[in-house]
Amino acid sequence: MPVGASVSFFSFELDPALAADPVFDLHKRGKMEISATVPLASRDHLSLAYTPGVARVCEAIAADESLYSDYTWTANTVAVVTDGSAVLGLGNIGPKAAMPVMEGKAILFKQFGGVDSIPICLDTQDVEGIIAAVKAIAPSFGGINLEDISAPRCFEIERRLDAELDIPVFHDDQHGTAVVTLAALRNAAKLLGRRLGDLRVVISGAGAAGVAITGMLIAAGVQGANVIVCDSRGIIHAERGDLTPTKVSLAAATNLSGRTGGIAEALIGADVLIGVSGGLIEESAVAGMAPGGIIFAMANPTPEVAPAIAHKYAAIVATGRSDFPNQINNVLAFPGIFRGALDVRASTITERMKVAAAEAIAEVVSDDLSADAIVPSPLDPRVAPAVAAAVAAAAEADGVARRPAAAPAAPAALPR
């Protein structure tokens, strides 16, 4: 052991420079805790919250499981589940290293949506193992937020869990990103006097976010024929022989003109570039876009196109970073989406609910729309309530709501 080194049986002792870092100071012992919602200051309190009173509630739920959400925390609690395989821009760092991010997600749920959530970091990256684990813990929660699970496994995991559980399952890296992207594109098009259906869109990245964004834009009115998706090997088209099943579906729904080549060829004449790949795009490729267009370079921490370069070729520019205008941030979407879904006890989250969320986000800044303000700030307190109301209404319209949003369930009589 080096001279001067120290050992603690209880905690790892950081390098002094890290110990003085405010980030590490903030994360000591984590960023969240559990607290009681009822008093426990007397024998009477204990007899109501625990034995013997709690037995009456258990018996009532055993007799009628519909009481479960009324008399447990599940009506307002979401599991934030990861396998640590695609954490932020850090890659496959595993479940333990992913925990600080999942804690962060949980406190965002609480701060912006009033939703309680518990981080669950699974020590498996096997598709069947993840599905089995989530199904096993599902009775403890009112919804499942899948987080930072790599593609293409994330598609199968979400699809299976959504089909097999009767609570909302939402992969935020896919759909949260897609919802906020659609909101931003709606407002950018409105500001430029363009129709979504007329836009020629290039999406750089065919992972979780890219696939979901493509589907969301088409659902909202962008013409699939006018969308080109690129992966690390170039334009996705029907004649490529190296496509996964997900990319085969993309090829069938987009690029109907059969354009081939790389990102430079894709961008020729494009009105919109949406980057969710992390790969840098050369200025010469961006220069091929139609003038006065839109660039969303959303990779973190390094956008696919530096904002200074993007502004040379586009009228409206957005990134995923907080230090530039127009931050496309999932926190604008997921707290309100789950708030609305939980409020009506939705059994799933439909495409209509996602589009409604995007429209609500876009509407928040409709009166103050500008090239530097096409989406609200993540700290804007108007966002989550607006999204929640829109999502709840869409859930009712789609027939997946199990209670009216504005009518809390009346307490049921419990057996004595």
Protein backbone atom coordinates (compact mmCIF):
# COMPACT_ATOMS: atom_id res chain seq x y z
CA MET A 1 0.00 0.00 0.00
CA PRO A 2 1.46 3.46 -0.87
CA VAL A 3 2.68 5.58 2.01
CA GLY A 4 -0.06 7.93 3.21
CA ALA A 5 -2.92 5.87 1.74
CA SER A 6 -5.94 5.40 3.99
CA VAL A 7 -8.63 2.75 4.25
CA SER A 8 -12.18 3.12 5.47
CA PHE A 9 -14.37 0.11 6.13
CA PHE A 10 -17.48 2.23 5.57
CA SER A 11 -16.79 4.45 2.56
CA PHE A 12 -14.36 4.94 -0.25
CA GLU A 13 -12.17 7.96 0.46
CA LEU A 14 -11.97 10.16 -2.60
CA ASP A 15 -8.99 12.01 -3.87
CA PRO A 16 -9.01 15.39 -2.04
CA ALA A 17 -9.75 17.21 -5.30
CA LEU A 18 -12.89 15.12 -5.81
CA ALA A 19 -13.89 15.41 -2.17
CA ALA A 20 -13.98 19.19 -2.63
CA ASP A 21 -16.08 18.91 -5.80
CA PRO A 22 -19.64 20.21 -5.14
CA VAL A 23 -21.05 17.45 -7.39
CA PHE A 24 -19.66 14.75 -5.12
CA ASP A 25 -20.72 16.68 -2.05
CA LEU A 26 -24.32 16.84 -3.32
CA HIS A 27 -24.40 13.10 -4.06
CA LYS A 28 -23.21 11.92 -0.62
CA ARG A 29 -25.64 9.25 0.65
CA GLY A 30 -27.73 9.70 -2.47
CA LYS A 31 -30.28 12.31 -3.50
CA MET A 32 -33.54 10.89 -2.12
CA GLU A 33 -35.16 9.20 0.87
CA ILE A 34 -38.44 7.58 1.95
CA SER A 35 -40.68 9.54 4.32
CA ALA A 36 -43.96 8.69 6.03
CA THR A 37 -47.22 10.35 5.00
CA VAL A 38 -48.99 9.52 8.29
CA PRO A 39 -48.13 10.30 11.92
CA LEU A 40 -46.47 7.67 14.10
CA ALA A 41 -46.34 9.50 17.42
CA SER A 42 -48.67 7.40 19.57
CA ARG A 43 -49.97 3.88 20.18
CA ASP A 44 -53.16 4.82 18.34
CA HIS A 45 -51.13 5.91 15.33
CA LEU A 46 -49.26 2.61 15.32
CA SER A 47 -52.44 0.60 15.64
CA LEU A 48 -53.92 2.33 12.60
CA ALA A 49 -50.84 2.42 10.36
CA TYR A 50 -49.66 -1.07 11.27
CA THR A 51 -51.08 -3.88 13.37
CA PRO A 52 -53.91 -4.48 14.06
CA GLY A 53 -55.55 -1.85 11.81
CA VAL A 54 -53.58 -2.66 8.67
CA ALA A 55 -55.02 -6.18 8.62
CA ARG A 56 -58.47 -4.79 7.78
CA VAL A 57 -57.10 -3.08 4.71
CA CYS A 58 -55.25 -6.23 3.64
CA GLU A 59 -58.43 -8.28 3.99
CA ALA A 60 -60.40 -5.76 1.96
CA ILE A 61 -57.87 -5.82 -0.87
CA ALA A 62 -57.75 -9.62 -0.79
CA ALA A 63 -61.53 -9.62 -1.23
CA ASP A 64 -61.56 -6.87 -3.90
CA GLU A 65 -58.29 -6.08 -5.69
CA SER A 66 -59.78 -2.92 -7.20
CA LEU A 67 -59.18 -1.31 -3.77
CA TYR A 68 -55.44 -1.81 -4.17
CA SER A 69 -54.71 1.56 -5.77
CA ASP A 70 -56.92 3.46 -3.32
CA TYR A 71 -55.26 2.15 -0.19
CA THR A 72 -51.58 1.75 -1.14
CA TRP A 73 -48.93 4.02 -2.58
CA THR A 74 -49.11 2.33 -5.98
CA ALA A 75 -51.55 4.88 -7.41
CA ASN A 76 -48.77 7.47 -7.30
CA THR A 77 -45.58 5.43 -7.58
CA VAL A 78 -43.42 4.51 -10.57
CA ALA A 79 -40.44 2.17 -10.84
CA VAL A 80 -37.47 3.68 -12.68
CA VAL A 81 -35.81 0.56 -14.11
CA THR A 82 -32.43 0.22 -15.81
CA ASP A 83 -29.82 -2.42 -16.56
CA GLY A 84 -27.07 0.20 -16.87
CA SER A 85 -26.40 -0.62 -20.52
CA ALA A 86 -26.84 2.84 -22.10
CA VAL A 87 -26.48 5.45 -19.38
CA LEU A 88 -26.46 9.05 -20.63
CA GLY A 89 -23.46 9.34 -22.95
CA LEU A 90 -21.43 7.00 -20.76
CA GLY A 91 -22.42 3.72 -22.38
CA ASN A 92 -22.60 0.34 -20.67
CA ILE A 93 -21.43 1.24 -17.16
CA GLY A 94 -23.54 -1.30 -15.29
CA PRO A 95 -26.27 -1.10 -12.66
CA LYS A 96 -24.28 0.30 -9.72
CA ALA A 97 -22.76 3.17 -11.69
CA ALA A 98 -26.21 3.89 -13.14
CA MET A 99 -27.81 4.46 -9.73
CA PRO A 100 -26.96 8.21 -9.44
CA VAL A 101 -28.77 8.80 -12.74
CA MET A 102 -31.80 6.77 -11.66
CA GLU A 103 -31.95 8.67 -8.36
CA GLY A 104 -31.84 11.88 -10.39
CA LYS A 105 -34.72 10.66 -12.53
CA ALA A 106 -36.71 9.82 -9.42
CA ILE A 107 -36.35 13.27 -7.88
CA LEU A 108 -37.32 14.87 -11.21
CA PHE A 109 -40.52 12.80 -11.14
CA LYS A 110 -41.26 14.12 -7.66
CA GLN A 111 -40.26 17.74 -8.26
CA PHE A 112 -42.06 18.28 -11.55
CA GLY A 113 -44.92 15.77 -11.50
CA GLY A 114 -45.54 15.04 -7.84
CA VAL A 115 -44.95 11.38 -8.69
CA ASP A 116 -43.12 9.11 -6.24
CA SER A 117 -40.62 6.77 -7.84
CA ILE A 118 -38.08 4.17 -6.83
CA PRO A 119 -34.83 3.50 -8.74
CA ILE A 120 -34.41 -0.17 -9.64
CA CYS A 121 -31.00 -1.11 -11.07
CA LEU A 122 -31.06 -4.70 -12.32
CA ASP A 123 -27.93 -6.86 -12.35
CA THR A 124 -28.82 -8.51 -15.64
CA GLN A 125 -28.78 -7.42 -19.27
CA ASP A 126 -30.64 -10.47 -20.51
CA VAL A 127 -33.93 -9.59 -22.19
CA GLU A 128 -35.87 -12.42 -20.59
CA GLY A 129 -34.27 -11.73 -17.21
CA ILE A 130 -35.25 -8.05 -17.32
CA ILE A 131 -38.81 -8.84 -18.38
CA ALA A 132 -39.18 -11.45 -15.64
CA ALA A 133 -37.75 -9.11 -12.98
CA VAL A 134 -40.00 -6.20 -13.91
CA LYS A 135 -43.10 -8.41 -14.05
CA ALA A 136 -42.23 -9.78 -10.62
CA ILE A 137 -41.99 -6.33 -9.00
CA ALA A 138 -44.88 -4.75 -10.94
CA PRO A 139 -47.49 -5.21 -8.18
CA SER A 140 -45.57 -2.66 -6.11
CA PHE A 141 -46.02 0.13 -8.66
CA GLY A 142 -48.57 2.06 -10.70
CA GLY A 143 -46.25 2.42 -13.69
CA ILE A 144 -42.87 1.36 -15.09
CA ASN A 145 -40.39 3.87 -16.52
CA LEU A 146 -37.67 2.02 -18.44
CA GLU A 147 -34.45 3.99 -18.53
CA ASP A 148 -31.06 3.78 -20.25
CA ILE A 149 -31.51 0.29 -21.73
CA SER A 150 -29.64 -0.12 -24.99
CA ALA A 151 -31.18 -0.75 -28.40
CA PRO A 152 -32.34 -3.01 -29.91
CA ARG A 153 -33.12 -4.90 -26.67
CA CYS A 154 -35.14 -1.96 -25.33
CA PHE A 155 -37.74 -2.36 -28.10
CA GLU A 156 -38.52 -5.98 -27.24
CA ILE A 157 -38.47 -5.33 -23.49
CA GLU A 158 -40.92 -2.44 -23.71
CA ARG A 159 -43.20 -4.20 -26.19
CA ARG A 160 -43.45 -7.35 -24.09
CA LEU A 161 -43.94 -5.58 -20.78
CA ASP A 162 -46.57 -3.25 -22.24
CA ALA A 163 -48.48 -6.27 -23.54
CA GLU A 164 -48.16 -8.34 -20.37
CA LEU A 165 -48.76 -5.73 -17.65
CA ASP A 166 -51.92 -3.71 -16.97
CA ILE A 167 -50.03 -0.57 -15.91
CA PRO A 168 -48.26 2.02 -18.09
CA VAL A 169 -44.82 1.01 -19.38
CA PHE A 170 -42.80 3.83 -20.91
CA HIS A 171 -39.21 3.80 -22.20
CA ASP A 172 -38.25 7.42 -21.68
CA ASP A 173 -35.17 7.35 -23.92
CA GLN A 174 -37.51 6.50 -26.77
CA HIS A 175 -40.79 8.23 -26.16
CA GLY A 176 -39.84 11.08 -23.83
CA THR A 177 -37.28 12.25 -26.36
CA ALA A 178 -39.77 11.82 -29.20
CA VAL A 179 -42.50 13.79 -27.42
CA VAL A 180 -40.28 16.80 -26.73
CA THR A 181 -38.80 16.65 -30.23
CA LEU A 182 -42.28 16.76 -31.74
CA ALA A 183 -43.22 19.70 -29.51
CA ALA A 184 -40.11 21.59 -30.60
CA LEU A 185 -40.67 20.78 -34.28
CA ARG A 186 -44.30 21.89 -34.12
CA ASN A 187 -43.31 25.27 -32.77
CA ALA A 188 -40.33 25.65 -35.09
CA ALA A 189 -42.54 24.93 -38.10
CA LYS A 190 -45.19 27.33 -36.81
CA LEU A 191 -42.60 30.07 -36.38
CA LEU A 192 -41.34 29.54 -39.93
CA GLY A 193 -44.84 29.32 -41.41
CA ARG A 194 -44.35 25.70 -42.47
CA ARG A 195 -46.64 22.64 -42.31
CA LEU A 196 -45.34 19.41 -40.76
CA GLY A 197 -46.60 17.49 -43.76
CA ASP A 198 -44.40 19.51 -46.12
CA LEU A 199 -41.12 19.13 -44.21
CA ARG A 200 -38.27 16.97 -45.51
CA VAL A 201 -36.73 15.46 -42.38
CA VAL A 202 -33.43 13.65 -41.80
CA ILE A 203 -32.90 11.77 -38.56
CA SER A 204 -29.31 10.91 -37.69
CA GLY A 205 -29.45 7.90 -35.41
CA ALA A 206 -31.54 4.73 -35.52
CA GLY A 207 -31.32 3.72 -31.88
CA ALA A 208 -34.02 4.02 -29.25
CA ALA A 209 -34.60 7.76 -29.70
CA GLY A 210 -34.29 7.81 -33.49
CA VAL A 211 -36.82 5.01 -33.98
CA ALA A 212 -39.33 6.59 -31.59
CA ILE A 213 -38.93 10.07 -33.08
CA THR A 214 -39.56 8.68 -36.56
CA GLY A 215 -42.77 7.00 -35.46
CA MET A 216 -43.94 10.03 -33.50
CA LEU A 217 -43.36 12.49 -36.36
CA ILE A 218 -45.22 10.27 -38.80
CA ALA A 219 -48.09 9.87 -36.32
CA ALA A 220 -48.24 13.67 -36.03
CA GLY A 221 -48.47 14.31 -39.77
CA VAL A 222 -44.93 14.30 -41.21
CA GLN A 223 -44.99 12.29 -44.42
CA GLY A 224 -43.01 9.06 -44.13
CA ALA A 225 -41.95 9.46 -47.75
CA ASN A 226 -40.20 12.68 -46.73
CA VAL A 227 -38.29 11.16 -43.78
CA ILE A 228 -34.80 9.70 -44.14
CA VAL A 229 -33.18 7.87 -41.24
CA CYS A 230 -29.44 7.28 -41.07
CA ASP A 231 -27.48 4.87 -38.90
CA SER A 232 -23.71 4.47 -38.61
CA ARG A 233 -23.63 2.80 -42.05
CA GLY A 234 -25.62 5.46 -43.86
CA ILE A 235 -29.15 5.89 -45.15
CA ILE A 236 -31.60 3.18 -44.18
CA HIS A 237 -33.33 1.89 -47.30
CA ALA A 238 -35.15 -1.27 -48.32
CA GLU A 239 -32.29 -2.67 -50.42
CA ARG A 240 -29.79 -2.85 -47.56
CA GLY A 241 -29.07 -6.40 -46.48
CA ASP A 242 -27.76 -5.62 -43.00
CA LEU A 243 -30.93 -4.32 -41.35
CA THR A 244 -32.31 -5.50 -38.03
CA PRO A 245 -36.07 -6.18 -37.87
CA THR A 246 -36.61 -2.72 -36.38
CA LYS A 247 -34.68 -1.10 -39.22
CA VAL A 248 -36.55 -3.18 -41.79
CA SER A 249 -39.72 -1.59 -40.45
CA LEU A 250 -38.10 1.85 -40.67
CA ALA A 251 -37.10 1.22 -44.27
CA ALA A 252 -40.67 0.26 -45.15
CA ALA A 253 -42.14 3.42 -43.59
CA THR A 254 -39.59 6.03 -44.72
CA ASN A 255 -37.38 7.13 -47.63
CA LEU A 256 -39.88 5.98 -50.21
CA SER A 257 -37.76 7.53 -52.96
CA GLY A 258 -35.03 5.01 -52.15
CA ARG A 259 -32.22 7.50 -51.59
CA THR A 260 -28.87 5.85 -50.76
CA GLY A 261 -25.51 7.01 -49.45
CA GLY A 262 -24.44 8.61 -46.19
CA ILE A 263 -25.57 11.56 -44.09
CA ALA A 264 -24.29 14.05 -46.68
CA GLU A 265 -26.51 12.53 -49.37
CA ALA A 266 -29.44 12.37 -46.96
CA LEU A 267 -29.18 16.07 -46.12
CA ILE A 268 -29.30 17.34 -49.70
CA GLY A 269 -32.36 19.59 -49.81
CA ALA A 270 -33.51 18.64 -46.28
CA ASP A 271 -35.54 21.12 -44.22
CA VAL A 272 -34.90 19.46 -40.87
CA LEU A 273 -31.97 17.64 -39.28
CA ILE A 274 -32.61 15.79 -36.02
CA GLY A 275 -29.47 14.37 -34.42
CA VAL A 276 -29.76 11.62 -31.83
CA SER A 277 -26.66 9.66 -32.72
CA GLY A 278 -23.68 11.19 -30.98
CA GLY A 279 -21.75 11.10 -34.27
CA LEU A 280 -20.35 14.40 -35.51
CA ILE A 281 -21.72 15.68 -38.83
CA GLU A 282 -19.39 17.61 -41.11
CA GLU A 283 -20.22 21.21 -41.97
CA SER A 284 -20.03 20.35 -45.67
CA ALA A 285 -22.94 17.93 -45.20
CA VAL A 286 -25.02 20.49 -43.29
CA ALA A 287 -24.37 23.01 -46.05
CA GLY A 288 -26.43 20.84 -48.40
CA MET A 289 -29.64 21.51 -46.50
CA ALA A 290 -32.35 23.78 -47.87
CA PRO A 291 -31.88 27.34 -46.59
CA GLY A 292 -33.77 28.62 -43.55
CA GLY A 293 -34.33 25.20 -42.06
CA ILE A 294 -34.24 23.57 -38.62
CA ILE A 295 -31.42 21.73 -36.84
CA PHE A 296 -31.92 19.82 -33.60
CA ALA A 297 -28.45 18.51 -32.63
CA MET A 298 -29.34 16.70 -29.43
CA ALA A 299 -26.31 14.56 -28.53
CA ASN A 300 -24.78 15.25 -25.12
CA PRO A 301 -22.33 16.57 -24.21
CA THR A 302 -21.18 17.20 -27.80
CA PRO A 303 -23.94 18.04 -30.32
CA GLU A 304 -23.69 16.43 -33.75
CA VAL A 305 -23.40 19.96 -35.19
CA ALA A 306 -21.89 22.75 -33.12
CA PRO A 307 -24.50 25.49 -32.59
CA ALA A 308 -22.24 28.13 -34.16
CA ILE A 309 -22.08 26.07 -37.35
CA ALA A 310 -25.75 25.11 -37.25
CA HIS A 311 -26.80 28.76 -37.11
CA LYS A 312 -24.96 29.39 -40.38
CA TYR A 313 -27.34 27.09 -42.23
CA ALA A 314 -30.56 26.96 -40.17
CA ALA A 315 -33.08 29.51 -38.96
CA ILE A 316 -33.83 27.59 -35.75
CA VAL A 317 -31.36 25.53 -33.74
CA ALA A 318 -31.89 23.36 -30.65
CA THR A 319 -29.65 21.06 -28.63
CA GLY A 320 -29.90 18.79 -25.62
CA ARG A 321 -27.73 21.09 -23.52
CA SER A 322 -28.85 23.56 -20.88
CA ASP A 323 -26.22 26.17 -21.79
CA PHE A 324 -27.76 26.90 -25.21
CA PRO A 325 -31.29 28.11 -26.06
CA ASN A 326 -33.97 25.56 -26.92
CA GLN A 327 -32.95 22.65 -24.74
CA ILE A 328 -34.82 19.52 -25.83
CA ASN A 329 -35.03 17.81 -22.45
CA ASN A 330 -37.08 14.75 -21.48
CA VAL A 331 -38.01 16.35 -18.16
CA LEU A 332 -40.55 18.39 -20.13
CA ALA A 333 -42.41 15.15 -20.87
CA PHE A 334 -42.13 12.22 -18.49
CA PRO A 335 -43.33 13.79 -15.20
CA GLY A 336 -46.53 15.10 -16.76
CA ILE A 337 -47.11 11.97 -18.85
CA PHE A 338 -46.99 9.73 -15.81
CA ARG A 339 -48.95 12.23 -13.71
CA GLY A 340 -51.77 12.16 -16.25
CA ALA A 341 -51.61 8.39 -16.73
CA LEU A 342 -51.67 7.73 -12.98
CA ASP A 343 -54.48 10.20 -12.38
CA VAL A 344 -56.80 8.18 -14.61
CA ARG A 345 -55.18 4.85 -13.77
CA ALA A 346 -54.40 4.24 -17.43
CA SER A 347 -53.59 0.66 -18.40
CA THR A 348 -51.11 1.76 -21.06
CA ILE A 349 -49.69 4.87 -22.76
CA THR A 350 -51.04 5.25 -26.29
CA GLU A 351 -49.74 7.15 -29.29
CA ARG A 352 -52.57 9.66 -28.86
CA MET A 353 -51.43 10.30 -25.28
CA LYS A 354 -47.87 10.97 -26.46
CA VAL A 355 -48.97 13.32 -29.24
CA ALA A 356 -51.26 15.10 -26.76
CA ALA A 357 -48.28 15.57 -24.45
CA ALA A 358 -46.24 17.09 -27.29
CA GLU A 359 -49.05 19.47 -28.20
CA ALA A 360 -49.39 20.56 -24.57
CA ILE A 361 -45.66 21.25 -24.26
CA ALA A 362 -45.70 23.27 -27.47
CA GLU A 363 -48.72 25.27 -26.36
CA VAL A 364 -47.08 26.43 -23.12
CA VAL A 365 -44.83 28.84 -25.05
CA SER A 366 -47.22 29.61 -27.90
CA ASP A 367 -47.66 33.25 -26.80
CA ASP A 368 -43.92 33.85 -26.43
CA LEU A 369 -42.68 31.89 -29.40
CA SER A 370 -39.30 32.94 -30.83
CA ALA A 371 -36.33 31.35 -32.52
CA ASP A 372 -34.67 31.02 -29.11
CA ALA A 373 -37.81 29.79 -27.31
CA ILE A 374 -39.52 26.98 -29.20
CA VAL A 375 -39.90 24.87 -26.04
CA PRO A 376 -40.42 25.88 -22.41
CA SER A 377 -37.68 25.83 -19.82
CA PRO A 378 -37.47 22.52 -17.94
CA LEU A 379 -38.11 24.62 -14.81
CA ASP A 380 -41.35 26.14 -16.12
CA PRO A 381 -44.03 25.14 -13.56
CA ARG A 382 -46.79 25.27 -16.20
CA VAL A 383 -45.49 22.30 -18.17
CA ALA A 384 -46.26 19.20 -16.09
CA PRO A 385 -49.86 20.20 -15.22
CA ALA A 386 -50.58 21.00 -18.87
CA VAL A 387 -49.10 17.71 -20.03
CA ALA A 388 -50.91 15.74 -17.32
CA ALA A 389 -54.30 17.20 -18.27
CA ALA A 390 -53.76 16.53 -21.97
CA VAL A 391 -52.56 12.96 -21.36
CA ALA A 392 -55.47 12.18 -19.03
CA ALA A 393 -57.99 13.44 -21.60
CA ALA A 394 -56.33 11.43 -24.37
CA ALA A 395 -56.37 8.31 -22.19
CA GLU A 396 -60.10 8.71 -21.67
CA ALA A 397 -60.63 9.26 -25.41
CA ASP A 398 -58.66 6.09 -26.18
CA GLY A 399 -60.58 4.03 -23.63
CA VAL A 400 -57.55 3.11 -21.52
CA ALA A 401 -58.52 5.20 -18.46
CA ARG A 402 -60.00 3.31 -15.53
CA ARG A 403 -61.25 6.37 -13.66
CA PRO A 404 -62.18 9.95 -14.62
CA ALA A 405 -59.33 12.41 -14.21
CA ALA A 406 -61.34 14.98 -12.27
CA ALA A 407 -63.20 12.60 -9.96
CA PRO A 408 -61.13 11.03 -7.17
CA ALA A 409 -62.37 7.64 -6.07
CA ALA A 410 -64.67 7.77 -3.05
CA PRO A 411 -63.37 5.83 -0.03
CA ALA A 412 -64.83 2.36 -0.01
CA ALA A 413 -66.35 0.88 3.13
CA LEU A 414 -63.94 -1.59 4.70
CA PRO A 415 -65.14 -4.76 6.46
CA ARG A 416 -65.04 -4.69 10.24
